[in-house]
Amino acid sequence: MKSDYYEALEINRNATDADIKRAYRRLSLKFHPSKNKEPGSTERFSQLGEAYDVLSDPQKKATYDKFGEEGLKGGIPPEVGSSGAWSSKYVYHGNPEKTFKKFFGTNNPFANFFTNDASLQFSGLQPGVVKTQDSPIERDLPLSLDDLFHGCTKKIKIYHRVMNEDGYTSSVKHKFLTVDVKPGWKEGTRIIFSKEGDQSPNSIPADLVFIVRQKSHPLFVRQNDDLIYVAKISLEMALTGCSVDVQTLDGRLLTIPVNDIVHPAYKKTLTGEGMPLPQERSQRGDLIITFDIQFPEKLSAERRQLIKHALTFK
């Protein structure tokens, strides 16, 4: 009886080598006589062994594709330009168990499998291996204070190892990950991309974790949801009053009058002028202005006397 090897493996004639391997793995496990007691399973298992033996061998497959089973098993004339007799005839060794063991690389591929009435689990070339996930891979994500104030989108190019179609080899490929930065995110915020680490046959890829690291800003220091601004003023301004101009992160110019006497511990708080709150974007932290009082480096005797007189309280 003639056999259609592609039909036996339930694949089409455009199937790749990886497709052939996957099909044989799935069907040979399904119809193995030690696991499948249904009538015809032994014959089906034997057909699978012969089909895989032919289609997994490039020379046999090429002969079969061109001349069919008759040409494969009956022999074909030598190619034009060569000498010699007809090619040797293909004869299957008739031991599907031998093909099965060679494919799985073990005398008993079922020894460590988890099985029940409905399922049979198998992992790559190493049966019985319980897949565990690799440890998370952590990378810093530097962001400016402006990025964290307004929010932004960052495209990150990564390289990772990806399994090829055959299920055994791998290659390094790149891809872009998108991070949508939310207004108000803080230092240490973690963005997790599940299973974007290197792939391998017997482990689950690691999660890729980006950790927000805030860059320093020339004007503001962040303290949780508040912004700290240091205003430099003279001693005269500290004692007699002044106004301070602050350019905000959203482009406004605030002019803040200071009518109090500014001492070293003095602070002025502007409610709602700080960072957006991640959970409640309509609300914001505070802008806290501290003061760096610039004292004169030298004073003449006359000026000293004038200051002493001005500061003498009666």
C-alpha atoms as a PDB file:
ATOM      1  CA  MET A   1       0.000   0.000   0.000  1.00  0.00           C
ATOM      2  CA  LYS A   2       1.375   3.382  -0.965  1.00  0.00           C
ATOM      3  CA  SER A   3       2.127   5.888   1.793  1.00  0.00           C
ATOM      4  CA  ASP A   4       1.892   9.633   1.812  1.00  0.00           C
ATOM      5  CA  TYR A   5       4.511  10.697   4.327  1.00  0.00           C
ATOM      6  CA  TYR A   6       3.230  14.264   4.522  1.00  0.00           C
ATOM      7  CA  GLU A   7      -0.291  13.038   5.164  1.00  0.00           C
ATOM      8  CA  ALA A   8       0.989  10.658   7.831  1.00  0.00           C
ATOM      9  CA  LEU A   9       2.571  13.586   9.708  1.00  0.00           C
ATOM     10  CA  GLU A  10      -0.456  15.805   9.050  1.00  0.00           C
ATOM     11  CA  ILE A  11       1.614  18.504   7.332  1.00  0.00           C
ATOM     12  CA  ASN A  12       1.706  19.983   3.840  1.00  0.00           C
ATOM     13  CA  ARG A  13       4.513  19.754   1.300  1.00  0.00           C
ATOM     14  CA  ASN A  14       5.765  23.239   2.128  1.00  0.00           C
ATOM     15  CA  ALA A  15       6.523  22.197   5.707  1.00  0.00           C
ATOM     16  CA  THR A  16       9.881  23.251   7.095  1.00  0.00           C
ATOM     17  CA  ASP A  17      12.277  21.015   8.981  1.00  0.00           C
ATOM     18  CA  ALA A  18      10.976  22.541  12.213  1.00  0.00           C
ATOM     19  CA  ASP A  19       7.388  21.730  11.165  1.00  0.00           C
ATOM     20  CA  ILE A  20       8.369  18.118  10.503  1.00  0.00           C
ATOM     21  CA  LYS A  21      10.013  17.784  13.913  1.00  0.00           C
ATOM     22  CA  ARG A  22       7.065  19.331  15.715  1.00  0.00           C
ATOM     23  CA  ALA A  23       4.594  17.096  13.916  1.00  0.00           C
ATOM     24  CA  TYR A  24       6.532  13.912  14.650  1.00  0.00           C
ATOM     25  CA  ARG A  25       7.011  14.874  18.292  1.00  0.00           C
ATOM     26  CA  ARG A  26       3.307  15.506  18.796  1.00  0.00           C
ATOM     27  CA  LEU A  27       1.978  12.479  16.921  1.00  0.00           C
ATOM     28  CA  SER A  28       4.556   9.923  18.059  1.00  0.00           C
ATOM     29  CA  LEU A  29       3.757  10.749  21.680  1.00  0.00           C
ATOM     30  CA  LYS A  30       0.058  10.509  20.941  1.00  0.00           C
ATOM     31  CA  PHE A  31       0.169   7.126  19.165  1.00  0.00           C
ATOM     32  CA  HIS A  32       3.006   5.416  21.031  1.00  0.00           C
ATOM     33  CA  PRO A  33       1.764   1.863  21.750  1.00  0.00           C
ATOM     34  CA  SER A  34       2.755   2.050  25.424  1.00  0.00           C
ATOM     35  CA  LYS A  35       0.394   4.976  25.896  1.00  0.00           C
ATOM     36  CA  ASN A  36      -2.266   4.473  23.240  1.00  0.00           C
ATOM     37  CA  LYS A  37      -4.136   1.144  23.378  1.00  0.00           C
ATOM     38  CA  GLU A  38      -6.662   1.997  20.702  1.00  0.00           C
ATOM     39  CA  PRO A  39      -6.854  -0.321  17.653  1.00  0.00           C
ATOM     40  CA  GLY A  40      -4.548   0.786  14.866  1.00  0.00           C
ATOM     41  CA  SER A  41      -2.214   2.838  17.085  1.00  0.00           C
ATOM     42  CA  THR A  42       0.705   0.426  16.522  1.00  0.00           C
ATOM     43  CA  GLU A  43       0.344   0.643  12.743  1.00  0.00           C
ATOM     44  CA  ARG A  44      -0.030   4.443  12.955  1.00  0.00           C
ATOM     45  CA  PHE A  45       3.093   4.653  15.111  1.00  0.00           C
ATOM     46  CA  SER A  46       5.025   2.643  12.522  1.00  0.00           C
ATOM     47  CA  GLN A  47       3.827   4.923   9.702  1.00  0.00           C
ATOM     48  CA  LEU A  48       5.004   7.960  11.659  1.00  0.00           C
ATOM     49  CA  GLY A  49       8.441   6.435  12.164  1.00  0.00           C
ATOM     50  CA  GLU A  50       8.917   5.764   8.468  1.00  0.00           C
ATOM     51  CA  ALA A  51       7.539   9.167   7.451  1.00  0.00           C
ATOM     52  CA  TYR A  52       9.898  10.973   9.808  1.00  0.00           C
ATOM     53  CA  ASP A  53      12.866   8.804   8.765  1.00  0.00           C
ATOM     54  CA  VAL A  54      12.351   9.934   5.162  1.00  0.00           C
ATOM     55  CA  LEU A  55      11.313  13.571   5.543  1.00  0.00           C
ATOM     56  CA  SER A  56      13.951  14.428   8.162  1.00  0.00           C
ATOM     57  CA  ASP A  57      16.722  13.339   5.771  1.00  0.00           C
ATOM     58  CA  PRO A  58      17.319  16.028   3.078  1.00  0.00           C
ATOM     59  CA  GLN A  59      18.467  13.511   0.420  1.00  0.00           C
ATOM     60  CA  LYS A  60      15.642  11.062   0.989  1.00  0.00           C
ATOM     61  CA  LYS A  61      13.120  13.895   1.155  1.00  0.00           C
ATOM     62  CA  ALA A  62      14.358  15.386  -2.124  1.00  0.00           C
ATOM     63  CA  THR A  63      14.088  12.005  -3.842  1.00  0.00           C
ATOM     64  CA  TYR A  64      10.604  11.426  -2.455  1.00  0.00           C
ATOM     65  CA  ASP A  65       9.429  14.920  -3.410  1.00  0.00           C
ATOM     66  CA  LYS A  66      10.636  14.457  -6.999  1.00  0.00           C
ATOM     67  CA  PHE A  67       9.991  10.778  -7.713  1.00  0.00           C
ATOM     68  CA  GLY A  68       7.489   9.735  -5.055  1.00  0.00           C
ATOM     69  CA  GLU A  69       7.510   6.559  -3.014  1.00  0.00           C
ATOM     70  CA  GLU A  70       8.099   4.406  -6.109  1.00  0.00           C
ATOM     71  CA  GLY A  71      11.268   6.257  -7.023  1.00  0.00           C
ATOM     72  CA  LEU A  72      12.454   6.311  -3.408  1.00  0.00           C
ATOM     73  CA  LYS A  73      12.003   2.600  -2.824  1.00  0.00           C
ATOM     74  CA  GLY A  74      12.708   1.434  -6.364  1.00  0.00           C
ATOM     75  CA  GLY A  75      15.827   3.490  -7.010  1.00  0.00           C
ATOM     76  CA  ILE A  76      16.394   6.256  -9.576  1.00  0.00           C
ATOM     77  CA  PRO A  77      18.858   6.694 -12.466  1.00  0.00           C
ATOM     78  CA  PRO A  78      22.094   8.636 -11.782  1.00  0.00           C
ATOM     79  CA  GLU A  79      22.042  12.360 -12.386  1.00  0.00           C
ATOM     80  CA  VAL A  80      23.129  13.671 -15.760  1.00  0.00           C
ATOM     81  CA  GLY A  81      26.897  13.965 -15.986  1.00  0.00           C
ATOM     82  CA  SER A  82      27.649  11.271 -13.400  1.00  0.00           C
ATOM     83  CA  SER A  83      28.510   7.640 -13.861  1.00  0.00           C
ATOM     84  CA  GLY A  84      27.453   4.480 -12.107  1.00  0.00           C
ATOM     85  CA  ALA A  85      24.361   2.435 -11.544  1.00  0.00           C
ATOM     86  CA  TRP A  86      20.989   3.435 -10.266  1.00  0.00           C
ATOM     87  CA  SER A  87      20.798   4.889  -6.755  1.00  0.00           C
ATOM     88  CA  SER A  88      20.310   2.487  -3.894  1.00  0.00           C
ATOM     89  CA  LYS A  89      16.762   1.643  -2.945  1.00  0.00           C
ATOM     90  CA  TYR A  90      15.350   2.962   0.309  1.00  0.00           C
ATOM     91  CA  VAL A  91      14.200   0.351   2.796  1.00  0.00           C
ATOM     92  CA  TYR A  92      12.857   1.388   6.181  1.00  0.00           C
ATOM     93  CA  HIS A  93      14.514  -0.569   8.977  1.00  0.00           C
ATOM     94  CA  GLY A  94      11.073  -1.409  10.274  1.00  0.00           C
ATOM     95  CA  ASN A  95      11.712  -0.460  13.895  1.00  0.00           C
ATOM     96  CA  PRO A  96       9.664   2.670  14.732  1.00  0.00           C
ATOM     97  CA  GLU A  97      10.800   2.400  18.351  1.00  0.00           C
ATOM     98  CA  LYS A  98      14.389   2.944  17.173  1.00  0.00           C
ATOM     99  CA  THR A  99      13.340   6.140  15.357  1.00  0.00           C
ATOM    100  CA  PHE A 100      11.423   7.285  18.437  1.00  0.00           C
ATOM    101  CA  LYS A 101      14.363   6.740  20.795  1.00  0.00           C
ATOM    102  CA  LYS A 102      16.803   8.425  18.405  1.00  0.00           C
ATOM    103  CA  PHE A 103      14.564  11.485  18.152  1.00  0.00           C
ATOM    104  CA  PHE A 104      14.072  11.932  21.901  1.00  0.00           C
ATOM    105  CA  GLY A 105      17.607  10.949  22.857  1.00  0.00           C
ATOM    106  CA  THR A 106      16.624   8.523  25.596  1.00  0.00           C
ATOM    107  CA  ASN A 107      15.657   4.889  26.025  1.00  0.00           C
ATOM    108  CA  ASN A 108      12.554   5.855  27.966  1.00  0.00           C
ATOM    109  CA  PRO A 109      11.184   9.282  27.065  1.00  0.00           C
ATOM    110  CA  PHE A 110       8.107   8.667  29.216  1.00  0.00           C
ATOM    111  CA  ALA A 111       9.984   7.950  32.441  1.00  0.00           C
ATOM    112  CA  ASN A 112       9.693  11.415  33.905  1.00  0.00           C
ATOM    113  CA  PHE A 113       6.639  12.682  32.066  1.00  0.00           C
ATOM    114  CA  PHE A 114       3.623  13.908  33.984  1.00  0.00           C
ATOM    115  CA  THR A 115       0.676  11.983  32.578  1.00  0.00           C
ATOM    116  CA  ASN A 116      -2.991  11.474  33.230  1.00  0.00           C
ATOM    117  CA  ASP A 117      -5.947  10.290  31.222  1.00  0.00           C
ATOM    118  CA  ALA A 118      -6.209  13.546  29.305  1.00  0.00           C
ATOM    119  CA  SER A 119      -2.713  15.005  28.958  1.00  0.00           C
ATOM    120  CA  LEU A 120       0.929  14.308  28.318  1.00  0.00           C
ATOM    121  CA  GLN A 121       3.479  17.055  28.868  1.00  0.00           C
ATOM    122  CA  PHE A 122       6.799  17.170  27.074  1.00  0.00           C
ATOM    123  CA  SER A 123       9.510  19.787  27.006  1.00  0.00           C
ATOM    124  CA  GLY A 124      12.002  20.027  24.152  1.00  0.00           C
ATOM    125  CA  LEU A 125      14.792  17.487  23.848  1.00  0.00           C
ATOM    126  CA  GLN A 126      15.075  16.945  27.591  1.00  0.00           C
ATOM    127  CA  PRO A 127      11.994  15.126  28.865  1.00  0.00           C
ATOM    128  CA  GLY A 128      11.087  15.410  32.488  1.00  0.00           C
ATOM    129  CA  VAL A 129      12.594  18.881  32.892  1.00  0.00           C
ATOM    130  CA  VAL A 130      10.313  21.125  34.905  1.00  0.00           C
ATOM    131  CA  LYS A 131      10.577  24.631  33.528  1.00  0.00           C
ATOM    132  CA  THR A 132      11.428  27.372  36.008  1.00  0.00           C
ATOM    133  CA  GLN A 133      11.566  31.071  35.267  1.00  0.00           C
ATOM    134  CA  ASP A 134      14.904  32.844  35.201  1.00  0.00           C
ATOM    135  CA  SER A 135      15.519  35.632  37.714  1.00  0.00           C
ATOM    136  CA  PRO A 136      14.291  39.112  36.689  1.00  0.00           C
ATOM    137  CA  ILE A 137      16.701  41.278  34.696  1.00  0.00           C
ATOM    138  CA  GLU A 138      16.825  44.811  36.080  1.00  0.00           C
ATOM    139  CA  ARG A 139      17.877  47.888  34.104  1.00  0.00           C
ATOM    140  CA  ASP A 140      17.888  51.585  35.045  1.00  0.00           C
ATOM    141  CA  LEU A 141      15.599  53.963  33.157  1.00  0.00           C
ATOM    142  CA  PRO A 142      17.032  57.503  33.520  1.00  0.00           C
ATOM    143  CA  LEU A 143      14.347  60.193  33.266  1.00  0.00           C
ATOM    144  CA  SER A 144      14.486  63.959  33.616  1.00  0.00           C
ATOM    145  CA  LEU A 145      12.312  65.821  36.100  1.00  0.00           C
ATOM    146  CA  ASP A 146      10.459  67.305  33.134  1.00  0.00           C
ATOM    147  CA  ASP A 147       9.697  63.773  31.850  1.00  0.00           C
ATOM    148  CA  LEU A 148       8.302  62.845  35.245  1.00  0.00           C
ATOM    149  CA  PHE A 149       6.310  66.068  35.544  1.00  0.00           C
ATOM    150  CA  HIS A 150       4.607  65.969  32.147  1.00  0.00           C
ATOM    151  CA  GLY A 151       4.735  62.254  31.372  1.00  0.00           C
ATOM    152  CA  CYS A 152       6.162  60.941  28.110  1.00  0.00           C
ATOM    153  CA  THR A 153       6.660  57.858  25.949  1.00  0.00           C
ATOM    154  CA  LYS A 154      10.046  56.142  25.758  1.00  0.00           C
ATOM    155  CA  LYS A 155      11.061  53.606  23.105  1.00  0.00           C
ATOM    156  CA  ILE A 156      13.712  51.185  24.347  1.00  0.00           C
ATOM    157  CA  LYS A 157      15.642  48.888  22.012  1.00  0.00           C
ATOM    158  CA  ILE A 158      16.542  45.542  23.545  1.00  0.00           C
ATOM    159  CA  TYR A 159      18.451  42.498  22.316  1.00  0.00           C
ATOM    160  CA  HIS A 160      17.486  39.050  23.490  1.00  0.00           C
ATOM    161  CA  ARG A 161      17.912  35.432  22.470  1.00  0.00           C
ATOM    162  CA  VAL A 162      14.906  33.919  20.701  1.00  0.00           C
ATOM    163  CA  MET A 163      14.255  30.239  19.956  1.00  0.00           C
ATOM    164  CA  ASN A 164      14.240  29.319  16.289  1.00  0.00           C
ATOM    165  CA  GLU A 165      11.413  27.395  14.646  1.00  0.00           C
ATOM    166  CA  ASP A 166      13.155  24.050  15.173  1.00  0.00           C
ATOM    167  CA  GLY A 167      12.698  24.451  18.941  1.00  0.00           C
ATOM    168  CA  TYR A 168      16.346  23.638  19.690  1.00  0.00           C
ATOM    169  CA  THR A 169      18.572  26.426  18.386  1.00  0.00           C
ATOM    170  CA  SER A 170      18.328  30.138  19.074  1.00  0.00           C
ATOM    171  CA  SER A 171      19.467  33.469  17.638  1.00  0.00           C
ATOM    172  CA  VAL A 172      19.844  37.016  18.924  1.00  0.00           C
ATOM    173  CA  LYS A 173      17.187  39.459  17.752  1.00  0.00           C
ATOM    174  CA  HIS A 174      16.182  42.989  18.703  1.00  0.00           C
ATOM    175  CA  LYS A 175      12.844  44.605  19.400  1.00  0.00           C
ATOM    176  CA  PHE A 176      11.490  47.868  20.768  1.00  0.00           C
ATOM    177  CA  LEU A 177       9.643  48.112  24.051  1.00  0.00           C
ATOM    178  CA  THR A 178       7.380  51.079  24.799  1.00  0.00           C
ATOM    179  CA  VAL A 179       7.247  52.668  28.246  1.00  0.00           C
ATOM    180  CA  ASP A 180       4.398  55.114  28.857  1.00  0.00           C
ATOM    181  CA  VAL A 181       5.737  57.331  31.647  1.00  0.00           C
ATOM    182  CA  LYS A 182       2.891  58.646  33.797  1.00  0.00           C
ATOM    183  CA  PRO A 183       3.040  62.175  35.287  1.00  0.00           C
ATOM    184  CA  GLY A 184       4.236  62.023  38.873  1.00  0.00           C
ATOM    185  CA  TRP A 185       6.132  58.721  38.721  1.00  0.00           C
ATOM    186  CA  LYS A 186       8.772  58.567  41.438  1.00  0.00           C
ATOM    187  CA  GLU A 187      12.323  57.364  41.709  1.00  0.00           C
ATOM    188  CA  GLY A 188      12.303  53.585  41.991  1.00  0.00           C
ATOM    189  CA  THR A 189       9.084  52.998  40.042  1.00  0.00           C
ATOM    190  CA  ARG A 190       9.348  49.560  38.399  1.00  0.00           C
ATOM    191  CA  ILE A 191       8.045  48.804  34.905  1.00  0.00           C
ATOM    192  CA  ILE A 192       7.833  45.072  34.211  1.00  0.00           C
ATOM    193  CA  PHE A 193       7.855  43.457  30.767  1.00  0.00           C
ATOM    194  CA  SER A 194       6.869  39.850  31.282  1.00  0.00           C
ATOM    195  CA  LYS A 195       9.094  37.117  29.783  1.00  0.00           C
ATOM    196  CA  GLU A 196      11.208  39.411  27.588  1.00  0.00           C
ATOM    197  CA  GLY A 197      14.497  37.818  28.655  1.00  0.00           C
ATOM    198  CA  ASP A 198      16.479  35.210  26.723  1.00  0.00           C
ATOM    199  CA  GLN A 199      14.552  32.146  25.579  1.00  0.00           C
ATOM    200  CA  SER A 200      15.850  28.607  26.035  1.00  0.00           C
ATOM    201  CA  PRO A 201      14.301  25.145  25.618  1.00  0.00           C
ATOM    202  CA  ASN A 202      14.100  24.286  29.306  1.00  0.00           C
ATOM    203  CA  SER A 203      13.411  27.542  31.130  1.00  0.00           C
ATOM    204  CA  ILE A 204      10.845  30.328  31.149  1.00  0.00           C
ATOM    205  CA  PRO A 205      12.303  33.666  29.968  1.00  0.00           C
ATOM    206  CA  ALA A 206      13.033  36.172  32.707  1.00  0.00           C
ATOM    207  CA  ASP A 207      10.937  39.272  33.211  1.00  0.00           C
ATOM    208  CA  LEU A 208      12.655  42.491  32.111  1.00  0.00           C
ATOM    209  CA  VAL A 209      12.319  45.206  34.755  1.00  0.00           C
ATOM    210  CA  PHE A 210      13.090  48.894  34.186  1.00  0.00           C
ATOM    211  CA  ILE A 211      13.624  51.000  37.308  1.00  0.00           C
ATOM    212  CA  VAL A 212      13.049  54.763  37.143  1.00  0.00           C
ATOM    213  CA  ARG A 213      16.126  56.819  38.030  1.00  0.00           C
ATOM    214  CA  GLN A 214      15.548  60.565  38.196  1.00  0.00           C
ATOM    215  CA  LYS A 215      18.192  62.851  36.725  1.00  0.00           C
ATOM    216  CA  SER A 216      19.225  65.955  38.646  1.00  0.00           C
ATOM    217  CA  HIS A 217      17.583  69.257  37.722  1.00  0.00           C
ATOM    218  CA  PRO A 218      19.318  72.662  37.647  1.00  0.00           C
ATOM    219  CA  LEU A 219      16.546  74.469  39.582  1.00  0.00           C
ATOM    220  CA  PHE A 220      14.520  72.003  41.622  1.00  0.00           C
ATOM    221  CA  VAL A 221      15.124  69.193  44.070  1.00  0.00           C
ATOM    222  CA  ARG A 222      12.297  66.700  44.381  1.00  0.00           C
ATOM    223  CA  GLN A 223      11.113  65.529  47.782  1.00  0.00           C
ATOM    224  CA  ASN A 224       8.334  62.964  47.294  1.00  0.00           C
ATOM    225  CA  ASP A 225       5.577  65.026  45.623  1.00  0.00           C
ATOM    226  CA  ASP A 226       7.068  68.406  46.596  1.00  0.00           C
ATOM    227  CA  LEU A 227       9.593  70.537  44.743  1.00  0.00           C
ATOM    228  CA  ILE A 228      12.294  72.460  46.596  1.00  0.00           C
ATOM    229  CA  TYR A 229      13.593  75.686  45.099  1.00  0.00           C
ATOM    230  CA  VAL A 230      16.521  77.595  46.593  1.00  0.00           C
ATOM    231  CA  ALA A 231      16.378  81.385  46.130  1.00  0.00           C
ATOM    232  CA  LYS A 232      19.532  83.395  46.599  1.00  0.00           C
ATOM    233  CA  ILE A 233      18.883  86.799  48.219  1.00  0.00           C
ATOM    234  CA  SER A 234      21.050  89.446  49.803  1.00  0.00           C
ATOM    235  CA  LEU A 235      21.076  90.235  53.518  1.00  0.00           C
ATOM    236  CA  GLU A 236      19.353  93.499  52.726  1.00  0.00           C
ATOM    237  CA  MET A 237      16.525  91.663  50.925  1.00  0.00           C
ATOM    238  CA  ALA A 238      16.244  89.194  53.780  1.00  0.00           C
ATOM    239  CA  LEU A 239      15.727  91.993  56.268  1.00  0.00           C
ATOM    240  CA  THR A 240      13.689  94.453  54.258  1.00  0.00           C
ATOM    241  CA  GLY A 241      11.563  92.281  51.986  1.00  0.00           C
ATOM    242  CA  CYS A 242      11.747  91.272  48.337  1.00  0.00           C
ATOM    243  CA  SER A 243      10.089  89.228  45.604  1.00  0.00           C
ATOM    244  CA  VAL A 244      11.322  85.955  44.079  1.00  0.00           C
ATOM    245  CA  ASP A 245      10.746  84.861  40.464  1.00  0.00           C
ATOM    246  CA  VAL A 246      10.407  81.109  39.831  1.00  0.00           C
ATOM    247  CA  GLN A 247      10.092  79.544  36.370  1.00  0.00           C
ATOM    248  CA  THR A 248       7.855  76.481  36.825  1.00  0.00           C
ATOM    249  CA  LEU A 249       8.178  73.128  35.023  1.00  0.00           C
ATOM    250  CA  ASP A 250       5.015  73.866  33.052  1.00  0.00           C
ATOM    251  CA  GLY A 251       6.424  77.150  31.720  1.00  0.00           C
ATOM    252  CA  ARG A 252       4.813  79.735  33.993  1.00  0.00           C
ATOM    253  CA  LEU A 253       6.679  82.531  35.742  1.00  0.00           C
ATOM    254  CA  LEU A 254       5.667  82.923  39.355  1.00  0.00           C
ATOM    255  CA  THR A 255       6.504  86.132  41.204  1.00  0.00           C
ATOM    256  CA  ILE A 256       6.336  85.482  44.937  1.00  0.00           C
ATOM    257  CA  PRO A 257       6.382  88.437  47.354  1.00  0.00           C
ATOM    258  CA  VAL A 258       8.359  87.900  50.548  1.00  0.00           C
ATOM    259  CA  ASN A 259       7.400  90.419  53.221  1.00  0.00           C
ATOM    260  CA  ASP A 260       8.608  88.495  56.249  1.00  0.00           C
ATOM    261  CA  ILE A 261      12.085  88.721  57.668  1.00  0.00           C
ATOM    262  CA  VAL A 262      13.955  85.813  56.135  1.00  0.00           C
ATOM    263  CA  HIS A 263      15.978  83.880  58.727  1.00  0.00           C
ATOM    264  CA  PRO A 264      18.102  80.789  57.947  1.00  0.00           C
ATOM    265  CA  ALA A 265      15.245  78.339  58.695  1.00  0.00           C
ATOM    266  CA  TYR A 266      12.582  80.350  56.876  1.00  0.00           C
ATOM    267  CA  LYS A 267      10.582  78.640  54.121  1.00  0.00           C
ATOM    268  CA  LYS A 268       7.729  79.766  51.928  1.00  0.00           C
ATOM    269  CA  THR A 269       5.278  77.158  50.691  1.00  0.00           C
ATOM    270  CA  LEU A 270       3.110  77.446  47.590  1.00  0.00           C
ATOM    271  CA  THR A 271       0.384  74.830  47.793  1.00  0.00           C
ATOM    272  CA  GLY A 272      -0.366  72.846  44.635  1.00  0.00           C
ATOM    273  CA  GLU A 273       2.692  73.973  42.662  1.00  0.00           C
ATOM    274  CA  GLY A 274       4.700  70.761  43.047  1.00  0.00           C
ATOM    275  CA  MET A 275       4.652  67.413  41.208  1.00  0.00           C
ATOM    276  CA  PRO A 276       1.443  65.767  39.956  1.00  0.00           C
ATOM    277  CA  LEU A 277       0.183  62.965  42.178  1.00  0.00           C
ATOM    278  CA  PRO A 278       0.290  59.669  40.228  1.00  0.00           C
ATOM    279  CA  GLN A 279      -2.972  58.428  41.757  1.00  0.00           C
ATOM    280  CA  GLU A 280      -4.788  61.777  41.469  1.00  0.00           C
ATOM    281  CA  ARG A 281      -3.413  63.825  38.587  1.00  0.00           C
ATOM    282  CA  SER A 282      -5.681  66.774  39.270  1.00  0.00           C
ATOM    283  CA  GLN A 283      -3.806  67.272  42.544  1.00  0.00           C
ATOM    284  CA  ARG A 284      -0.202  68.282  43.022  1.00  0.00           C
ATOM    285  CA  GLY A 285       2.349  68.537  45.764  1.00  0.00           C
ATOM    286  CA  ASP A 286       3.783  71.830  47.012  1.00  0.00           C
ATOM    287  CA  LEU A 287       6.533  74.156  45.873  1.00  0.00           C
ATOM    288  CA  ILE A 288       8.751  74.953  48.850  1.00  0.00           C
ATOM    289  CA  ILE A 289      11.080  77.933  48.562  1.00  0.00           C
ATOM    290  CA  THR A 290      14.113  77.994  50.827  1.00  0.00           C
ATOM    291  CA  PHE A 291      16.582  80.867  50.960  1.00  0.00           C
ATOM    292  CA  ASP A 292      20.306  81.161  50.624  1.00  0.00           C
ATOM    293  CA  ILE A 293      21.158  84.500  52.231  1.00  0.00           C
ATOM    294  CA  GLN A 294      24.232  86.139  50.742  1.00  0.00           C
ATOM    295  CA  PHE A 295      26.187  87.997  53.443  1.00  0.00           C
ATOM    296  CA  PRO A 296      28.637  90.763  52.461  1.00  0.00           C
ATOM    297  CA  GLU A 297      32.278  89.707  52.536  1.00  0.00           C
ATOM    298  CA  LYS A 298      33.543  93.050  53.875  1.00  0.00           C
ATOM    299  CA  LEU A 299      32.113  96.090  55.691  1.00  0.00           C
ATOM    300  CA  SER A 300      33.725  99.444  56.282  1.00  0.00           C
ATOM    301  CA  ALA A 301      33.770 100.830  59.836  1.00  0.00           C
ATOM    302  CA  GLU A 302      31.176 103.396  58.840  1.00  0.00           C
ATOM    303  CA  ARG A 303      28.818 100.772  57.441  1.00  0.00           C
ATOM    304  CA  ARG A 304      29.290  98.613  60.497  1.00  0.00           C
ATOM    305  CA  GLN A 305      28.284 101.539  62.666  1.00  0.00           C
ATOM    306  CA  LEU A 306      25.217 102.246  60.547  1.00  0.00           C
ATOM    307  CA  ILE A 307      24.094  98.607  60.688  1.00  0.00           C
ATOM    308  CA  LYS A 308      24.689  98.496  64.429  1.00  0.00           C
ATOM    309  CA  HIS A 309      22.649 101.612  64.872  1.00  0.00           C
ATOM    310  CA  ALA A 310      19.850 100.304  62.616  1.00  0.00           C
ATOM    311  CA  LEU A 311      19.655  97.055  64.545  1.00  0.00           C
ATOM    312  CA  THR A 312      19.636  98.611  67.955  1.00  0.00           C
ATOM    313  CA  PHE A 313      16.125  98.147  69.232  1.00  0.00           C
ATOM    314  CA  LYS A 314      14.809 100.426  71.949  1.00  0.00           C
END
